[in-house]
Protein backbone atom coordinates (compact mmCIF):
# COMPACT_ATOMS: atom_id res chain seq x y z
CA UNK A 1 81.20 92.10 79.48
CA UNK A 2 83.51 93.76 82.09
CA UNK A 3 84.59 97.51 81.58
CA UNK A 4 87.51 99.33 82.87
CA UNK A 5 86.53 102.13 85.49
CA UNK A 6 88.33 104.94 87.41
CA UNK A 7 87.95 104.35 91.27
CA UNK A 8 85.59 107.32 92.19
CA UNK A 9 84.21 106.60 95.94
CA UNK A 10 85.24 104.87 99.09
CA UNK A 11 83.51 101.65 98.86
CA UNK A 12 85.05 101.15 95.04
CA UNK A 13 88.65 101.94 96.59
CA UNK A 14 88.05 99.29 99.30
CA UNK A 15 87.76 96.97 96.79
CA UNK A 16 90.38 97.42 95.16
CA UNK A 17 92.56 97.43 98.55
CA UNK A 18 90.56 94.18 99.67
CA UNK A 19 92.01 92.51 96.15
CA UNK A 20 95.81 93.96 96.15
CA UNK A 21 95.78 92.07 99.82
CA UNK A 22 94.30 88.93 98.40
CA UNK A 23 96.86 89.05 95.94
CA UNK A 24 99.60 90.43 97.30
CA UNK A 25 99.97 89.92 100.97
CA UNK A 26 97.85 86.48 101.10
CA UNK A 27 99.18 85.10 97.92
CA UNK A 28 102.56 86.65 97.24
CA UNK A 29 103.24 87.19 101.57
CA UNK A 30 104.37 90.96 100.75
CA UNK A 31 103.98 93.16 103.90
CA UNK A 32 100.99 94.81 104.41
CA UNK A 33 102.96 97.32 105.92
CA UNK A 34 104.52 97.96 102.43
CA UNK A 35 101.86 97.48 100.01
CA UNK A 36 99.68 99.93 101.28
CA UNK A 37 101.40 103.42 101.16
CA UNK A 38 101.25 107.39 101.16
CA UNK A 39 101.03 107.26 97.33
CA UNK A 40 97.70 105.39 97.06
CA UNK A 41 96.07 108.96 98.43
CA UNK A 42 97.33 110.70 95.60
CA UNK A 43 97.28 107.82 92.65
CA UNK A 44 94.57 107.45 90.03
CA UNK A 45 93.00 103.68 90.75
CA UNK A 46 91.37 101.89 87.89
CA UNK A 47 89.28 98.91 88.35
CA UNK A 48 87.07 95.71 87.11
CA UNK A 49 84.74 94.99 89.57
CA UNK A 50 81.30 92.70 89.65
CA UNK A 51 79.85 95.29 92.01
CA UNK A 52 80.58 93.45 94.94
CA UNK A 53 84.46 93.05 94.48
CA UNK A 54 87.14 93.86 92.60
CA UNK A 55 88.58 91.50 89.74
CA UNK A 56 91.15 93.19 88.39
CA UNK A 57 92.96 97.03 89.27
CA UNK A 58 96.24 99.04 89.10
CA UNK A 59 97.33 102.43 90.22
CA UNK A 60 98.77 105.33 88.19
CA UNK A 61 101.34 107.75 89.57
CA UNK A 62 102.59 110.75 87.58
CA UNK A 63 106.26 110.71 87.98
CA UNK A 64 106.42 114.11 85.81
CA UNK A 65 103.87 115.83 83.51
CA UNK A 66 105.15 113.32 80.64
CA UNK A 67 106.27 110.42 82.68
CA UNK A 68 103.92 107.67 84.49
CA UNK A 69 104.23 104.74 86.80
CA UNK A 70 101.85 102.34 86.48
CA UNK A 71 102.01 100.05 89.73
CA UNK A 72 99.88 97.41 92.04
CA UNK A 73 98.49 95.38 89.03
CA UNK A 74 96.60 92.90 90.44
CA UNK A 75 93.67 90.21 88.80
CA UNK A 76 91.51 88.04 91.22
CA UNK A 77 92.92 84.33 91.18
CA UNK A 78 89.53 83.02 89.83
CA UNK A 79 89.72 85.30 87.05
CA UNK A 80 92.77 85.28 85.73
CA UNK A 81 93.92 83.99 82.18
CA UNK A 82 90.54 86.21 80.63
CA UNK A 83 92.03 89.29 79.48
CA UNK A 84 91.08 91.52 82.48
CA UNK A 85 95.02 92.32 82.94
CA UNK A 86 95.20 92.85 79.12
CA UNK A 87 92.27 95.10 79.24
CA UNK A 88 93.18 97.13 82.32
CA UNK A 89 97.12 97.84 81.01
CA UNK A 90 95.29 98.87 77.60
CA UNK A 91 92.75 101.15 79.01
CA UNK A 92 95.59 102.65 81.47
CA UNK A 93 97.55 103.52 78.43
CA UNK A 94 95.23 104.90 75.99
CA UNK A 95 93.70 107.34 78.58
CA UNK A 96 97.36 108.21 79.12
CA UNK A 97 97.74 109.17 75.88
CA UNK A 98 94.83 111.63 75.71
CA UNK A 99 96.82 113.23 78.26
CA UNK A 100 100.18 113.67 76.82
CA UNK A 101 101.86 111.09 78.52
CA UNK A 102 105.32 110.29 76.75
CA UNK A 103 106.32 107.33 78.62
CA UNK A 104 104.99 104.54 81.27
CA UNK A 105 107.00 102.60 83.20
CA UNK A 106 106.69 99.29 85.61
CA UNK A 107 108.18 97.38 87.88
CA UNK A 108 107.11 93.93 86.33
CA UNK A 109 107.77 90.80 88.48
CA UNK A 110 110.31 88.86 86.66
CA UNK A 111 107.30 85.81 86.44
CA UNK A 112 105.14 88.43 84.33
CA UNK A 113 107.44 89.83 82.05
CA UNK A 114 106.24 87.89 79.11
CA UNK A 115 102.56 89.31 80.12
CA UNK A 116 104.13 93.30 79.96
CA UNK A 117 106.75 92.31 76.71
CA UNK A 118 103.66 91.34 74.74
CA UNK A 119 101.63 94.69 75.74
CA UNK A 120 104.50 96.25 74.44
CA UNK A 121 106.91 97.40 77.70
CA UNK A 122 110.77 97.02 76.92
CA UNK A 123 113.25 95.95 79.72
CA UNK A 124 115.06 98.96 81.02
CA UNK A 125 118.44 97.58 83.18
CA UNK A 126 118.95 94.56 85.28
CA UNK A 127 116.54 93.01 87.74
CA UNK A 128 116.32 93.57 91.16
CA UNK A 129 114.76 92.66 94.12
CA UNK A 130 111.19 94.57 95.77
CA UNK A 131 109.55 93.27 98.72
CA UNK A 132 111.29 90.19 98.48
CA UNK A 133 110.09 89.51 94.84
CA UNK A 134 112.44 89.79 91.55
CA UNK A 135 111.64 92.76 89.52
CA UNK A 136 112.71 94.72 86.60
CA UNK A 137 112.11 97.98 85.49
CA UNK A 138 110.12 97.91 81.80
CA UNK A 139 109.03 101.51 79.58
CA UNK A 140 107.46 101.97 76.93
CA UNK A 141 107.37 104.92 74.68
CA UNK A 142 103.74 106.30 73.34
């Protein structure tokens, strides 16, 4: 029913930012000054939306020609457990495979470790604190 699409205009990008604010700032207490950064201008943003608001989103940064980092993965609280996060992540990986990316990394909140593991990501190192929340670096070879 819902489709993943690349954010291609400012109105959709503002929907993405509003979702990220709801999830990361309001729900998780992350400082808005650290939630939004300079990478937002150069990253590619993916979204699932209903025309009025973003329901799921992520951004992709290329760290080098063959290494991508997926960040800011968020799903609206009323749309969780319906597979939107999985759909978003699978779309991102499929897109990156067509671009000859060899490896994808994420900094996963440890509470989402099972989700990322089920997608094929493996932990890479020890957990660490980022924005006051425990995370672990995870990677997947494509």
